[in-house]
């Protein structure tokens, strides 16, 4: 079963994503702040991370940077990262892609569009399951 890590401080957003993605057959792990997200990432090594940028303790930029550093250190397969945020500045988008994010989705968002983007990112890795 493909695992996805959702990191967002908004409890309602986490519940929505967990419900929808679990219904699609994914194993969903939820973190409420960046540090918790990083610890969960290290524990479960998900194929995909969905993160907000505005997180307590460790922001989304720091989370992305840390995930990419861990991948390099371990030589592990790259985790796809989708940024899901209300931030709309071009600089934010550019920074996320420079750090290694695979996609950037602005809130409010269409759940159907997000699910299509998730499928697209995961399909690029073929069929390897944990």
Protein backbone atom coordinates (compact mmCIF):
# COMPACT_ATOMS: atom_id res chain seq x y z
CA UNK A 1 0.00 0.00 0.00
CA UNK A 2 1.42 3.38 -1.01
CA UNK A 3 2.02 5.69 1.93
CA UNK A 4 1.45 9.45 1.94
CA UNK A 5 2.45 11.89 4.66
CA UNK A 6 0.22 14.95 5.13
CA UNK A 7 1.73 17.81 7.15
CA UNK A 8 -0.64 20.68 7.92
CA UNK A 9 -1.48 22.57 11.11
CA UNK A 10 -5.16 22.84 10.09
CA UNK A 11 -6.92 19.87 11.70
CA UNK A 12 -9.90 20.08 9.32
CA UNK A 13 -7.56 20.00 6.31
CA UNK A 14 -5.77 16.94 7.72
CA UNK A 15 -9.08 15.16 8.31
CA UNK A 16 -10.30 15.98 4.79
CA UNK A 17 -7.11 14.76 3.13
CA UNK A 18 -6.84 11.67 5.31
CA UNK A 19 -10.45 10.70 4.57
CA UNK A 20 -10.26 11.27 0.82
CA UNK A 21 -6.85 9.69 0.32
CA UNK A 22 -7.59 6.69 2.54
CA UNK A 23 -10.70 6.18 0.44
CA UNK A 24 -8.45 6.07 -2.63
CA UNK A 25 -6.46 3.21 -1.09
CA UNK A 26 -3.46 5.11 0.29
CA UNK A 27 -1.94 4.63 3.74
CA UNK A 28 -2.10 8.18 5.17
CA UNK A 29 0.06 9.51 8.00
CA UNK A 30 -0.74 12.94 9.46
CA UNK A 31 1.53 15.46 11.18
CA UNK A 32 0.41 18.78 12.68
CA UNK A 33 3.79 20.57 12.51
CA UNK A 34 7.01 20.41 10.53
CA UNK A 35 9.09 18.64 13.17
CA UNK A 36 6.45 15.95 13.67
CA UNK A 37 6.28 15.66 9.87
CA UNK A 38 10.03 15.14 9.63
CA UNK A 39 9.99 12.48 12.35
CA UNK A 40 7.13 10.65 10.63
CA UNK A 41 8.94 10.93 7.30
CA UNK A 42 12.02 9.24 8.79
CA UNK A 43 9.88 6.52 10.36
CA UNK A 44 7.62 5.57 7.42
CA UNK A 45 9.62 6.82 4.39
CA UNK A 46 6.48 7.65 2.38
CA UNK A 47 6.43 7.85 -1.41
CA UNK A 48 4.69 11.24 -1.28
CA UNK A 49 4.56 14.16 1.14
CA UNK A 50 1.86 16.83 1.04
CA UNK A 51 2.85 19.85 3.10
CA UNK A 52 1.74 23.37 3.86
CA UNK A 53 4.41 26.06 4.06
CA UNK A 54 3.03 27.78 7.15
CA UNK A 55 3.70 25.20 9.84
CA UNK A 56 4.56 25.58 13.52
CA UNK A 57 7.91 24.44 14.95
CA UNK A 58 9.50 23.87 11.51
CA UNK A 59 8.06 25.55 8.41
CA UNK A 60 7.39 23.82 5.10
CA UNK A 61 10.57 25.11 3.48
CA UNK A 62 12.66 23.62 6.28
CA UNK A 63 10.73 20.36 6.06
CA UNK A 64 11.38 20.06 2.31
CA UNK A 65 15.06 20.91 2.77
CA UNK A 66 15.44 18.32 5.55
CA UNK A 67 13.66 15.58 3.56
CA UNK A 68 15.91 16.19 0.56
CA UNK A 69 19.01 16.13 2.81
CA UNK A 70 17.95 12.80 4.33
CA UNK A 71 17.38 11.32 0.85
CA UNK A 72 20.90 12.31 -0.20
CA UNK A 73 22.45 10.96 3.00
CA UNK A 74 20.63 7.63 2.75
CA UNK A 75 20.80 7.37 -1.01
CA UNK A 76 17.10 6.54 -0.88
CA UNK A 77 14.58 6.81 -3.68
CA UNK A 78 13.29 10.34 -4.04
CA UNK A 79 10.07 11.16 -2.23
CA UNK A 80 7.68 13.33 -4.22
CA UNK A 81 6.62 16.50 -2.40
CA UNK A 82 3.47 18.45 -3.18
CA UNK A 83 3.17 21.84 -1.51
CA UNK A 84 -0.46 22.62 -0.61
CA UNK A 85 -0.67 26.17 0.67
CA UNK A 86 -2.51 29.45 0.72
CA UNK A 87 0.68 31.35 -0.12
CA UNK A 88 0.46 32.85 -3.58
CA UNK A 89 3.69 34.78 -4.10
CA UNK A 90 5.77 33.83 -7.13
CA UNK A 91 8.85 33.79 -4.88
CA UNK A 92 7.25 31.07 -2.71
CA UNK A 93 6.56 28.91 -5.75
CA UNK A 94 10.07 29.40 -7.11
CA UNK A 95 11.68 28.59 -3.74
CA UNK A 96 9.67 25.39 -3.35
CA UNK A 97 10.72 24.08 -6.74
CA UNK A 98 14.35 25.05 -6.08
CA UNK A 99 14.23 23.05 -2.83
CA UNK A 100 12.93 19.99 -4.67
CA UNK A 101 9.13 20.13 -4.53
CA UNK A 102 7.45 18.27 -7.40
CA UNK A 103 4.22 20.29 -7.46
CA UNK A 104 2.61 23.39 -5.94
CA UNK A 105 -1.15 23.61 -5.30
CA UNK A 106 -2.83 26.72 -3.95
CA UNK A 107 -5.60 26.68 -1.34
CA UNK A 108 -8.52 26.71 -1.78
CA UNK A 109 -8.13 23.71 -4.06
CA UNK A 110 -10.21 21.14 -5.88
CA UNK A 111 -9.88 17.72 -4.18
CA UNK A 112 -10.35 16.06 -7.57
CA UNK A 113 -7.50 18.12 -9.06
CA UNK A 114 -5.25 17.33 -6.08
CA UNK A 115 -5.99 13.61 -6.41
CA UNK A 116 -5.09 13.77 -10.12
CA UNK A 117 -1.82 15.52 -9.30
CA UNK A 118 -1.04 12.88 -6.67
CA UNK A 119 -1.70 10.07 -9.16
CA UNK A 120 0.54 11.82 -11.70
CA UNK A 121 3.42 12.15 -9.24
CA UNK A 122 3.11 8.56 -8.05
CA UNK A 123 2.79 7.17 -11.58
CA UNK A 124 6.22 8.55 -12.41
CA UNK A 125 7.69 5.91 -10.07
CA UNK A 126 5.91 2.96 -11.62
CA UNK A 127 4.68 0.16 -9.39
CA UNK A 128 6.89 -0.16 -6.35
CA UNK A 129 5.02 -0.66 -3.12
CA UNK A 130 6.31 -0.64 0.42
